[in-house]
Amino acid sequence: MVEYGVKKITTNPRLITESEEIVRIVDGRTRKTRAFVIPSTHEKLVERLVREIEDREWARRKKEELENAGHSGDKEKEALEALSEAGMKSVEEYLDDTQG
């Protein structure tokens, strides 16, 4: 992995487009990571990770909706918590079980 400052990337964007490594973009003043640029050779892995993150967010939102609606459905909340930890495969299995 290589690391560049935001200013360096702004003045020379080819550092990203020509890189075959993961690029970490860091704010020079705060030293905070602002972004990662991952080469397209890792596309399948990135798609899987994004899907899992989105599924966990979906489960978190559904849990909040249940809590805000005032449901006492502890079973439903527990199921959503478990799904948020398990990832996409379990979400698909859970939805299949509840629909069929």
Protein backbone atom coordinates (compact mmCIF):
# COMPACT_ATOMS: atom_id res chain seq x y z
CA MET A 1 0.00 0.00 0.00
CA VAL A 2 1.17 3.48 -0.83
CA GLU A 3 0.13 6.68 0.91
CA TYR A 4 -0.34 10.11 -0.62
CA GLY A 5 -1.61 13.41 0.68
CA VAL A 6 -4.78 14.98 -0.68
CA LYS A 7 -2.80 17.85 -2.19
CA LYS A 8 -0.41 15.51 -3.99
CA ILE A 9 -3.31 13.54 -5.51
CA THR A 10 -5.04 16.77 -6.54
CA THR A 11 -1.98 17.98 -8.41
CA ASN A 12 -1.09 14.57 -9.85
CA PRO A 13 -4.16 12.30 -10.23
CA ARG A 14 -2.12 9.86 -12.32
CA LEU A 15 -0.76 8.54 -9.02
CA ILE A 16 -4.15 6.88 -8.58
CA THR A 17 -4.94 5.84 -12.13
CA GLU A 18 -1.56 4.26 -12.75
CA SER A 19 -1.16 2.58 -9.38
CA GLU A 20 -1.40 -1.19 -9.15
CA GLU A 21 -1.32 -1.00 -5.35
CA ILE A 22 -3.91 0.11 -2.84
CA VAL A 23 -3.59 3.86 -2.33
CA ARG A 24 -4.37 5.50 1.00
CA ILE A 25 -5.23 9.19 0.73
CA VAL A 26 -4.41 11.12 3.89
CA ASP A 27 -5.21 14.66 4.98
CA GLY A 28 -1.82 16.28 5.49
CA ARG A 29 -2.90 18.54 8.35
CA THR A 30 -4.89 16.12 10.48
CA ARG A 31 -3.18 12.90 9.34
CA LYS A 32 -6.64 11.34 9.00
CA THR A 33 -7.29 8.81 6.29
CA ARG A 34 -9.74 10.31 3.81
CA ALA A 35 -10.06 7.49 1.28
CA PHE A 36 -8.70 4.28 -0.10
CA VAL A 37 -8.39 3.59 -3.80
CA ILE A 38 -8.38 -0.09 -4.61
CA PRO A 39 -7.26 -1.34 -8.02
CA SER A 40 -9.88 -3.02 -10.19
CA THR A 41 -8.00 -6.31 -9.88
CA HIS A 42 -9.72 -6.59 -6.48
CA GLU A 43 -13.21 -5.85 -7.83
CA LYS A 44 -14.85 -9.13 -6.76
CA LEU A 45 -13.57 -8.78 -3.19
CA VAL A 46 -14.68 -5.15 -2.99
CA GLU A 47 -18.16 -6.04 -4.28
CA ARG A 48 -18.50 -8.74 -1.62
CA LEU A 49 -17.37 -6.38 1.15
CA VAL A 50 -19.69 -3.59 0.01
CA ARG A 51 -22.62 -6.02 -0.10
CA GLU A 52 -21.86 -7.20 3.43
CA ILE A 53 -21.57 -3.63 4.75
CA GLU A 54 -24.87 -2.69 3.08
CA ASP A 55 -26.56 -5.75 4.57
CA ARG A 56 -25.35 -4.89 8.06
CA GLU A 57 -26.62 -1.33 7.61
CA TRP A 58 -29.99 -2.69 6.45
CA ALA A 59 -30.25 -4.89 9.54
CA ARG A 60 -29.26 -1.97 11.81
CA ARG A 61 -31.91 0.29 10.23
CA LYS A 62 -34.59 -2.40 10.56
CA LYS A 63 -33.68 -2.89 14.22
CA GLU A 64 -33.98 0.87 14.81
CA GLU A 65 -37.33 0.92 13.03
CA LEU A 66 -38.60 -1.82 15.33
CA GLU A 67 -37.37 0.04 18.39
CA ASN A 68 -38.85 3.36 17.22
CA ALA A 69 -42.19 1.74 16.38
CA GLY A 70 -42.47 0.63 19.99
CA HIS A 71 -42.64 -3.05 19.20
CA SER A 72 -41.67 -5.34 21.99
CA GLY A 73 -40.56 -7.90 19.41
CA ASP A 74 -37.42 -9.04 21.18
CA LYS A 75 -37.27 -12.08 18.90
CA GLU A 76 -37.26 -9.85 15.82
CA LYS A 77 -34.56 -7.59 17.28
CA GLU A 78 -32.40 -10.58 18.19
CA ALA A 79 -32.81 -12.00 14.68
CA LEU A 80 -31.76 -8.69 13.13
CA GLU A 81 -28.75 -8.41 15.44
CA ALA A 82 -27.67 -11.91 14.48
CA LEU A 83 -28.12 -11.13 10.79
CA SER A 84 -26.12 -7.94 11.05
CA GLU A 85 -23.22 -9.96 12.42
CA ALA A 86 -23.55 -12.83 9.96
CA GLY A 87 -23.52 -11.01 6.62
CA MET A 88 -25.23 -11.46 3.26
CA LYS A 89 -25.59 -15.23 3.11
CA SER A 90 -27.54 -15.36 6.34
CA VAL A 91 -29.71 -12.41 5.32
CA GLU A 92 -30.69 -14.24 2.12
CA GLU A 93 -31.38 -17.44 4.08
CA TYR A 94 -33.44 -15.53 6.64
CA LEU A 95 -35.54 -13.83 3.95
CA ASP A 96 -36.06 -17.16 2.15
CA ASP A 97 -37.26 -18.75 5.40
CA THR A 98 -39.70 -15.95 6.19
CA GLN A 99 -41.15 -15.77 2.66
CA GLY A 100 -41.60 -19.44 1.99
